[in-house]
Amino acid sequence: MRKLADTALPAATLIIMAAALYMVFIYVPSDQVQGIVQRIFYFHVPLAIMTFVAFGTVALASLVFLWRGGRVWDRLAHASAEIGMLFCSLVLITGPIWARPVWGTWWTWDARLTTTLILWLIYAAYLMMRSLSEPGEQGARYAAVLGIVGAIDIPIINRSVYWWRTIHPAVLITREGGSGLSDGRMQCTLAVCFLAFVCLFVWLLWLRTEEARLRDTLEDLRHEALDRV
């Protein structure tokens, strides 16, 4: 299983990511209103969705860890939080790049932008807590609580464009209930890009959890060697 994952996951990720890049820069047409800058949408939206998936995984794994214990769930939560921070940071970078030519500003305290920044800060605090806590279950449990509480912000971000006045577009499903993508090539490109980032998330999650498992194994062996001395 591990050998298959070590070979199949990176290969699938690279192939699908290459296909996604081709579709974004060559295959899909430019938006009639926004022009070529709209193509960043095909990175920005999948990154945002996978950010929610990553932090949702943190919350679920943390919940199971608090309920049943087991370092495997703690490792999963920690690894997913790291990847979620990477994706969320890219969301906060690609968003202003897209917004500058469309809105005329790099940043505005829009409801969705603000709640996304809050999400980033919550899980930045989660990772800081993990790095500053003493090794052991107590620090992991405190972090697990924060990981669960932080996920409450995810549905708030999702519904913010409907609850408050905002200039942020509701791209996939418009406020009127229709689709935000009228061209089939746009829908196909978005689907391939989303699949590419799913594969990237799974691959990175596998790498980080395996690295953490090996680190824990080495730590256990070190403690066993010290006990024998």
C-alpha atoms as a PDB file:
ATOM      1  CA  MET A   1       0.000   0.000   0.000  1.00  0.00           C
ATOM      2  CA  ARG A   2       2.724   2.465   0.959  1.00  0.00           C
ATOM      3  CA  LYS A   3       4.817   1.611  -2.097  1.00  0.00           C
ATOM      4  CA  LEU A   4       1.794   2.070  -4.377  1.00  0.00           C
ATOM      5  CA  ALA A   5       0.965   5.417  -2.780  1.00  0.00           C
ATOM      6  CA  ASP A   6       4.562   6.586  -3.080  1.00  0.00           C
ATOM      7  CA  THR A   7       4.517   5.986  -6.834  1.00  0.00           C
ATOM      8  CA  ALA A   8       0.883   6.363  -7.942  1.00  0.00           C
ATOM      9  CA  LEU A   9       0.008   9.559  -6.057  1.00  0.00           C
ATOM     10  CA  PRO A  10       2.834  11.771  -7.396  1.00  0.00           C
ATOM     11  CA  ALA A  11       2.417  10.402 -10.930  1.00  0.00           C
ATOM     12  CA  ALA A  12      -1.335  11.027 -10.961  1.00  0.00           C
ATOM     13  CA  THR A  13      -0.893  14.477  -9.442  1.00  0.00           C
ATOM     14  CA  LEU A  14       1.710  15.566 -11.991  1.00  0.00           C
ATOM     15  CA  ILE A  15      -0.298  14.269 -14.963  1.00  0.00           C
ATOM     16  CA  ILE A  16      -3.576  15.868 -13.892  1.00  0.00           C
ATOM     17  CA  MET A  17      -1.867  19.117 -12.877  1.00  0.00           C
ATOM     18  CA  ALA A  18      -0.186  19.313 -16.293  1.00  0.00           C
ATOM     19  CA  ALA A  19      -3.563  18.773 -17.962  1.00  0.00           C
ATOM     20  CA  ALA A  20      -5.088  21.478 -15.773  1.00  0.00           C
ATOM     21  CA  LEU A  21      -2.364  23.975 -16.696  1.00  0.00           C
ATOM     22  CA  TYR A  22      -2.869  23.249 -20.397  1.00  0.00           C
ATOM     23  CA  MET A  23      -6.613  23.789 -20.093  1.00  0.00           C
ATOM     24  CA  VAL A  24      -6.258  27.017 -18.101  1.00  0.00           C
ATOM     25  CA  PHE A  25      -3.712  28.705 -20.370  1.00  0.00           C
ATOM     26  CA  ILE A  26      -4.612  27.261 -23.793  1.00  0.00           C
ATOM     27  CA  TYR A  27      -7.950  25.425 -23.924  1.00  0.00           C
ATOM     28  CA  VAL A  28     -10.430  27.559 -21.990  1.00  0.00           C
ATOM     29  CA  PRO A  29     -11.640  30.891 -23.446  1.00  0.00           C
ATOM     30  CA  SER A  30     -11.132  34.171 -21.636  1.00  0.00           C
ATOM     31  CA  ASP A  31     -14.042  35.785 -19.858  1.00  0.00           C
ATOM     32  CA  GLN A  32     -15.757  38.414 -22.025  1.00  0.00           C
ATOM     33  CA  VAL A  33     -15.907  40.983 -19.228  1.00  0.00           C
ATOM     34  CA  GLN A  34     -12.810  40.399 -17.085  1.00  0.00           C
ATOM     35  CA  GLY A  35     -10.493  39.159 -19.806  1.00  0.00           C
ATOM     36  CA  ILE A  36      -7.408  37.027 -19.219  1.00  0.00           C
ATOM     37  CA  VAL A  37      -7.133  37.865 -15.508  1.00  0.00           C
ATOM     38  CA  GLN A  38     -10.242  35.732 -14.902  1.00  0.00           C
ATOM     39  CA  ARG A  39      -8.159  32.606 -15.564  1.00  0.00           C
ATOM     40  CA  ILE A  40      -6.784  32.840 -12.032  1.00  0.00           C
ATOM     41  CA  PHE A  41     -10.289  31.733 -11.026  1.00  0.00           C
ATOM     42  CA  TYR A  42      -9.398  28.137 -11.983  1.00  0.00           C
ATOM     43  CA  PHE A  43      -6.697  28.132  -9.293  1.00  0.00           C
ATOM     44  CA  HIS A  44      -8.370  30.376  -6.726  1.00  0.00           C
ATOM     45  CA  VAL A  45     -11.658  28.489  -6.400  1.00  0.00           C
ATOM     46  CA  PRO A  46     -10.232  24.920  -6.133  1.00  0.00           C
ATOM     47  CA  LEU A  47      -7.683  26.201  -3.620  1.00  0.00           C
ATOM     48  CA  ALA A  48     -10.484  27.711  -1.536  1.00  0.00           C
ATOM     49  CA  ILE A  49     -12.530  24.499  -1.638  1.00  0.00           C
ATOM     50  CA  MET A  50      -9.524  22.362  -0.705  1.00  0.00           C
ATOM     51  CA  THR A  51      -8.737  24.785   2.132  1.00  0.00           C
ATOM     52  CA  PHE A  52     -12.168  23.974   3.552  1.00  0.00           C
ATOM     53  CA  VAL A  53     -11.543  20.250   3.026  1.00  0.00           C
ATOM     54  CA  ALA A  54      -8.169  20.435   4.771  1.00  0.00           C
ATOM     55  CA  PHE A  55      -9.422  22.335   7.810  1.00  0.00           C
ATOM     56  CA  GLY A  56     -12.545  20.196   7.907  1.00  0.00           C
ATOM     57  CA  THR A  57     -10.253  17.176   8.045  1.00  0.00           C
ATOM     58  CA  VAL A  58      -8.419  18.796  10.959  1.00  0.00           C
ATOM     59  CA  ALA A  59     -11.695  19.178  12.839  1.00  0.00           C
ATOM     60  CA  LEU A  60     -12.890  15.619  12.158  1.00  0.00           C
ATOM     61  CA  ALA A  61      -9.531  14.018  12.980  1.00  0.00           C
ATOM     62  CA  SER A  62      -9.264  16.141  16.132  1.00  0.00           C
ATOM     63  CA  LEU A  63     -12.742  15.089  17.192  1.00  0.00           C
ATOM     64  CA  VAL A  64     -11.877  11.406  16.788  1.00  0.00           C
ATOM     65  CA  PHE A  65      -8.578  11.980  18.617  1.00  0.00           C
ATOM     66  CA  LEU A  66     -10.374  13.523  21.603  1.00  0.00           C
ATOM     67  CA  TRP A  67     -12.942  10.727  21.573  1.00  0.00           C
ATOM     68  CA  ARG A  68     -10.793   7.653  21.008  1.00  0.00           C
ATOM     69  CA  GLY A  69      -7.196   8.791  21.314  1.00  0.00           C
ATOM     70  CA  GLY A  70      -4.491   7.439  19.038  1.00  0.00           C
ATOM     71  CA  ARG A  71      -1.563   9.255  17.537  1.00  0.00           C
ATOM     72  CA  VAL A  72      -2.659   8.408  13.996  1.00  0.00           C
ATOM     73  CA  TRP A  73      -5.580  10.857  14.294  1.00  0.00           C
ATOM     74  CA  ASP A  74      -3.384  13.518  15.845  1.00  0.00           C
ATOM     75  CA  ARG A  75      -0.851  13.122  13.036  1.00  0.00           C
ATOM     76  CA  LEU A  76      -3.630  13.383  10.450  1.00  0.00           C
ATOM     77  CA  ALA A  77      -4.973  16.573  12.019  1.00  0.00           C
ATOM     78  CA  HIS A  78      -1.530  18.172  12.273  1.00  0.00           C
ATOM     79  CA  ALA A  79      -0.581  17.295   8.688  1.00  0.00           C
ATOM     80  CA  SER A  80      -3.903  18.492   7.295  1.00  0.00           C
ATOM     81  CA  ALA A  81      -3.566  21.793   9.171  1.00  0.00           C
ATOM     82  CA  GLU A  82      -0.169  22.401   7.555  1.00  0.00           C
ATOM     83  CA  ILE A  83      -1.558  21.748   4.083  1.00  0.00           C
ATOM     84  CA  GLY A  84      -4.634  23.830   4.826  1.00  0.00           C
ATOM     85  CA  MET A  85      -2.417  26.753   5.791  1.00  0.00           C
ATOM     86  CA  LEU A  86      -0.526  26.411   2.512  1.00  0.00           C
ATOM     87  CA  PHE A  87      -3.731  26.388   0.476  1.00  0.00           C
ATOM     88  CA  CYS A  88      -5.336  29.184   2.502  1.00  0.00           C
ATOM     89  CA  SER A  89      -2.231  31.347   2.058  1.00  0.00           C
ATOM     90  CA  LEU A  90      -2.440  30.806  -1.700  1.00  0.00           C
ATOM     91  CA  VAL A  91      -6.129  31.750  -1.613  1.00  0.00           C
ATOM     92  CA  LEU A  92      -5.246  35.017   0.130  1.00  0.00           C
ATOM     93  CA  ILE A  93      -2.518  35.657  -2.458  1.00  0.00           C
ATOM     94  CA  THR A  94      -4.432  34.764  -5.633  1.00  0.00           C
ATOM     95  CA  GLY A  95      -7.536  36.642  -4.470  1.00  0.00           C
ATOM     96  CA  PRO A  96      -5.891  40.094  -4.361  1.00  0.00           C
ATOM     97  CA  ILE A  97      -4.069  39.399  -7.656  1.00  0.00           C
ATOM     98  CA  TRP A  98      -7.466  38.797  -9.245  1.00  0.00           C
ATOM     99  CA  ALA A  99      -9.122  41.673  -7.366  1.00  0.00           C
ATOM    100  CA  ARG A 100      -6.613  44.399  -8.281  1.00  0.00           C
ATOM    101  CA  PRO A 101      -7.589  44.804 -11.977  1.00  0.00           C
ATOM    102  CA  VAL A 102     -11.283  43.978 -11.356  1.00  0.00           C
ATOM    103  CA  TRP A 103     -12.048  45.896  -8.131  1.00  0.00           C
ATOM    104  CA  GLY A 104      -9.266  48.459  -8.419  1.00  0.00           C
ATOM    105  CA  THR A 105      -7.754  47.511  -5.049  1.00  0.00           C
ATOM    106  CA  TRP A 106      -5.597  44.728  -3.654  1.00  0.00           C
ATOM    107  CA  TRP A 107      -7.646  44.318  -0.493  1.00  0.00           C
ATOM    108  CA  THR A 108     -10.962  45.415   0.936  1.00  0.00           C
ATOM    109  CA  TRP A 109     -12.567  44.376   4.191  1.00  0.00           C
ATOM    110  CA  ASP A 110     -15.203  42.406   2.359  1.00  0.00           C
ATOM    111  CA  ALA A 111     -17.123  39.818   4.428  1.00  0.00           C
ATOM    112  CA  ARG A 112     -15.681  36.781   2.659  1.00  0.00           C
ATOM    113  CA  LEU A 113     -12.136  38.139   2.572  1.00  0.00           C
ATOM    114  CA  THR A 114     -12.246  39.062   6.254  1.00  0.00           C
ATOM    115  CA  THR A 115     -13.653  35.724   7.416  1.00  0.00           C
ATOM    116  CA  THR A 116     -11.075  33.893   5.294  1.00  0.00           C
ATOM    117  CA  LEU A 117      -8.287  35.899   6.931  1.00  0.00           C
ATOM    118  CA  ILE A 118      -9.755  34.984  10.332  1.00  0.00           C
ATOM    119  CA  LEU A 119      -9.640  31.300   9.315  1.00  0.00           C
ATOM    120  CA  TRP A 120      -5.969  31.692   8.388  1.00  0.00           C
ATOM    121  CA  LEU A 121      -5.207  33.319  11.745  1.00  0.00           C
ATOM    122  CA  ILE A 122      -7.018  30.591  13.700  1.00  0.00           C
ATOM    123  CA  TYR A 123      -5.014  27.785  12.131  1.00  0.00           C
ATOM    124  CA  ALA A 124      -1.808  29.799  12.287  1.00  0.00           C
ATOM    125  CA  ALA A 125      -2.458  29.866  16.034  1.00  0.00           C
ATOM    126  CA  TYR A 126      -3.122  26.107  15.891  1.00  0.00           C
ATOM    127  CA  LEU A 127       0.279  25.451  14.324  1.00  0.00           C
ATOM    128  CA  MET A 128       1.988  27.817  16.745  1.00  0.00           C
ATOM    129  CA  MET A 129       0.383  25.959  19.634  1.00  0.00           C
ATOM    130  CA  ARG A 130       1.648  22.670  18.211  1.00  0.00           C
ATOM    131  CA  SER A 131       5.184  23.980  17.831  1.00  0.00           C
ATOM    132  CA  LEU A 132       5.366  25.637  21.259  1.00  0.00           C
ATOM    133  CA  SER A 133       3.682  22.895  23.301  1.00  0.00           C
ATOM    134  CA  GLU A 134       5.700  20.309  25.138  1.00  0.00           C
ATOM    135  CA  PRO A 135       5.701  16.867  23.516  1.00  0.00           C
ATOM    136  CA  GLY A 136       2.847  14.770  24.830  1.00  0.00           C
ATOM    137  CA  GLU A 137      -0.874  14.254  24.704  1.00  0.00           C
ATOM    138  CA  GLN A 138      -1.893  17.358  26.663  1.00  0.00           C
ATOM    139  CA  GLY A 139      -0.645  19.820  24.059  1.00  0.00           C
ATOM    140  CA  ALA A 140      -2.171  17.737  21.289  1.00  0.00           C
ATOM    141  CA  ARG A 141      -5.547  17.829  23.053  1.00  0.00           C
ATOM    142  CA  TYR A 142      -5.467  21.615  23.458  1.00  0.00           C
ATOM    143  CA  ALA A 143      -4.631  21.945  19.770  1.00  0.00           C
ATOM    144  CA  ALA A 144      -7.426  19.516  18.869  1.00  0.00           C
ATOM    145  CA  VAL A 145      -9.973  21.737  20.628  1.00  0.00           C
ATOM    146  CA  LEU A 146      -8.750  24.761  18.673  1.00  0.00           C
ATOM    147  CA  GLY A 147      -8.828  22.741  15.440  1.00  0.00           C
ATOM    148  CA  ILE A 148     -12.481  21.875  16.031  1.00  0.00           C
ATOM    149  CA  VAL A 149     -13.532  25.388  17.055  1.00  0.00           C
ATOM    150  CA  GLY A 150     -11.727  26.937  14.081  1.00  0.00           C
ATOM    151  CA  ALA A 151     -13.769  24.901  11.620  1.00  0.00           C
ATOM    152  CA  ILE A 152     -16.892  26.834  12.684  1.00  0.00           C
ATOM    153  CA  ASP A 153     -15.608  29.648  10.463  1.00  0.00           C
ATOM    154  CA  ILE A 154     -15.869  27.477   7.319  1.00  0.00           C
ATOM    155  CA  PRO A 155     -19.681  27.623   6.893  1.00  0.00           C
ATOM    156  CA  ILE A 156     -19.569  31.317   7.829  1.00  0.00           C
ATOM    157  CA  ILE A 157     -17.177  31.959   4.922  1.00  0.00           C
ATOM    158  CA  ASN A 158     -19.352  29.916   2.591  1.00  0.00           C
ATOM    159  CA  ARG A 159     -22.551  31.804   3.425  1.00  0.00           C
ATOM    160  CA  SER A 160     -21.022  35.259   3.917  1.00  0.00           C
ATOM    161  CA  VAL A 161     -21.880  36.419   0.385  1.00  0.00           C
ATOM    162  CA  TYR A 162     -25.536  35.699   1.098  1.00  0.00           C
ATOM    163  CA  TRP A 163     -25.744  36.979   4.693  1.00  0.00           C
ATOM    164  CA  TRP A 164     -23.980  40.336   4.289  1.00  0.00           C
ATOM    165  CA  ARG A 165     -23.551  43.006   1.656  1.00  0.00           C
ATOM    166  CA  THR A 166     -20.403  42.128  -0.244  1.00  0.00           C
ATOM    167  CA  ILE A 167     -18.635  42.764  -3.521  1.00  0.00           C
ATOM    168  CA  HIS A 168     -17.215  39.236  -3.588  1.00  0.00           C
ATOM    169  CA  PRO A 169     -18.858  37.170  -6.357  1.00  0.00           C
ATOM    170  CA  ALA A 170     -20.776  33.962  -5.656  1.00  0.00           C
ATOM    171  CA  VAL A 171     -19.130  32.306  -8.644  1.00  0.00           C
ATOM    172  CA  LEU A 172     -20.315  28.700  -8.837  1.00  0.00           C
ATOM    173  CA  ILE A 173     -23.918  29.317  -7.836  1.00  0.00           C
ATOM    174  CA  THR A 174     -25.085  32.880  -8.296  1.00  0.00           C
ATOM    175  CA  ARG A 175     -27.256  34.708  -5.799  1.00  0.00           C
ATOM    176  CA  GLU A 176     -30.154  34.170  -8.207  1.00  0.00           C
ATOM    177  CA  GLY A 177     -29.602  30.390  -8.113  1.00  0.00           C
ATOM    178  CA  GLY A 178     -28.083  29.954 -11.590  1.00  0.00           C
ATOM    179  CA  SER A 179     -24.641  28.807 -12.673  1.00  0.00           C
ATOM    180  CA  GLY A 180     -21.789  31.280 -12.745  1.00  0.00           C
ATOM    181  CA  LEU A 181     -20.109  29.413 -15.625  1.00  0.00           C
ATOM    182  CA  SER A 182     -21.996  29.617 -18.905  1.00  0.00           C
ATOM    183  CA  ASP A 183     -19.430  27.972 -21.202  1.00  0.00           C
ATOM    184  CA  GLY A 184     -18.986  24.202 -21.068  1.00  0.00           C
ATOM    185  CA  ARG A 185     -15.232  24.559 -21.542  1.00  0.00           C
ATOM    186  CA  MET A 186     -15.083  26.658 -18.396  1.00  0.00           C
ATOM    187  CA  GLN A 187     -16.976  24.032 -16.424  1.00  0.00           C
ATOM    188  CA  CYS A 188     -14.722  21.263 -17.746  1.00  0.00           C
ATOM    189  CA  THR A 189     -11.556  23.226 -16.947  1.00  0.00           C
ATOM    190  CA  LEU A 190     -12.751  23.952 -13.420  1.00  0.00           C
ATOM    191  CA  ALA A 191     -13.516  20.250 -12.877  1.00  0.00           C
ATOM    192  CA  VAL A 192     -10.030  19.192 -14.033  1.00  0.00           C
ATOM    193  CA  CYS A 193      -8.364  21.879 -11.891  1.00  0.00           C
ATOM    194  CA  PHE A 194     -10.392  20.794  -8.886  1.00  0.00           C
ATOM    195  CA  LEU A 195      -9.341  17.155  -9.447  1.00  0.00           C
ATOM    196  CA  ALA A 196      -5.709  18.282  -9.727  1.00  0.00           C
ATOM    197  CA  PHE A 197      -5.838  20.022  -6.357  1.00  0.00           C
ATOM    198  CA  VAL A 198      -7.614  17.051  -4.781  1.00  0.00           C
ATOM    199  CA  CYS A 199      -4.747  14.827  -5.922  1.00  0.00           C
ATOM    200  CA  LEU A 200      -2.214  17.364  -4.671  1.00  0.00           C
ATOM    201  CA  PHE A 201      -3.919  17.496  -1.278  1.00  0.00           C
ATOM    202  CA  VAL A 202      -4.012  13.714  -0.928  1.00  0.00           C
ATOM    203  CA  TRP A 203      -0.369  13.397  -1.996  1.00  0.00           C
ATOM    204  CA  LEU A 204       0.863  16.079   0.406  1.00  0.00           C
ATOM    205  CA  LEU A 205      -1.262  14.641   3.209  1.00  0.00           C
ATOM    206  CA  TRP A 206       0.243  11.210   2.612  1.00  0.00           C
ATOM    207  CA  LEU A 207       3.786  12.601   2.662  1.00  0.00           C
ATOM    208  CA  ARG A 208       3.276  14.594   5.855  1.00  0.00           C
ATOM    209  CA  THR A 209       1.504  11.814   7.765  1.00  0.00           C
ATOM    210  CA  GLU A 210       4.158   9.291   6.733  1.00  0.00           C
ATOM    211  CA  GLU A 211       6.918  11.672   7.799  1.00  0.00           C
ATOM    212  CA  ALA A 212       5.186  12.154  11.160  1.00  0.00           C
ATOM    213  CA  ARG A 213       4.722   8.390  11.580  1.00  0.00           C
ATOM    214  CA  LEU A 214       8.391   7.753  10.934  1.00  0.00           C
ATOM    215  CA  ARG A 215       9.368  10.537  13.333  1.00  0.00           C
ATOM    216  CA  ASP A 216       7.182   9.024  16.059  1.00  0.00           C
ATOM    217  CA  THR A 217       8.652   5.580  15.393  1.00  0.00           C
ATOM    218  CA  LEU A 218      12.186   6.917  15.740  1.00  0.00           C
ATOM    219  CA  GLU A 219      11.220   8.707  18.950  1.00  0.00           C
ATOM    220  CA  ASP A 220       9.779   5.489  20.378  1.00  0.00           C
ATOM    221  CA  LEU A 221      12.940   3.602  19.457  1.00  0.00           C
ATOM    222  CA  ARG A 222      15.054   6.282  21.098  1.00  0.00           C
ATOM    223  CA  HIS A 223      13.059   6.037  24.318  1.00  0.00           C
ATOM    224  CA  GLU A 224      13.343   2.228  24.272  1.00  0.00           C
ATOM    225  CA  ALA A 225      17.124   2.472  23.821  1.00  0.00           C
ATOM    226  CA  LEU A 226      17.393   4.932  26.729  1.00  0.00           C
ATOM    227  CA  ASP A 227      15.304   2.664  28.945  1.00  0.00           C
ATOM    228  CA  ARG A 228      17.673  -0.208  28.301  1.00  0.00           C
ATOM    229  CA  VAL A 229      20.721   1.792  29.309  1.00  0.00           C
END
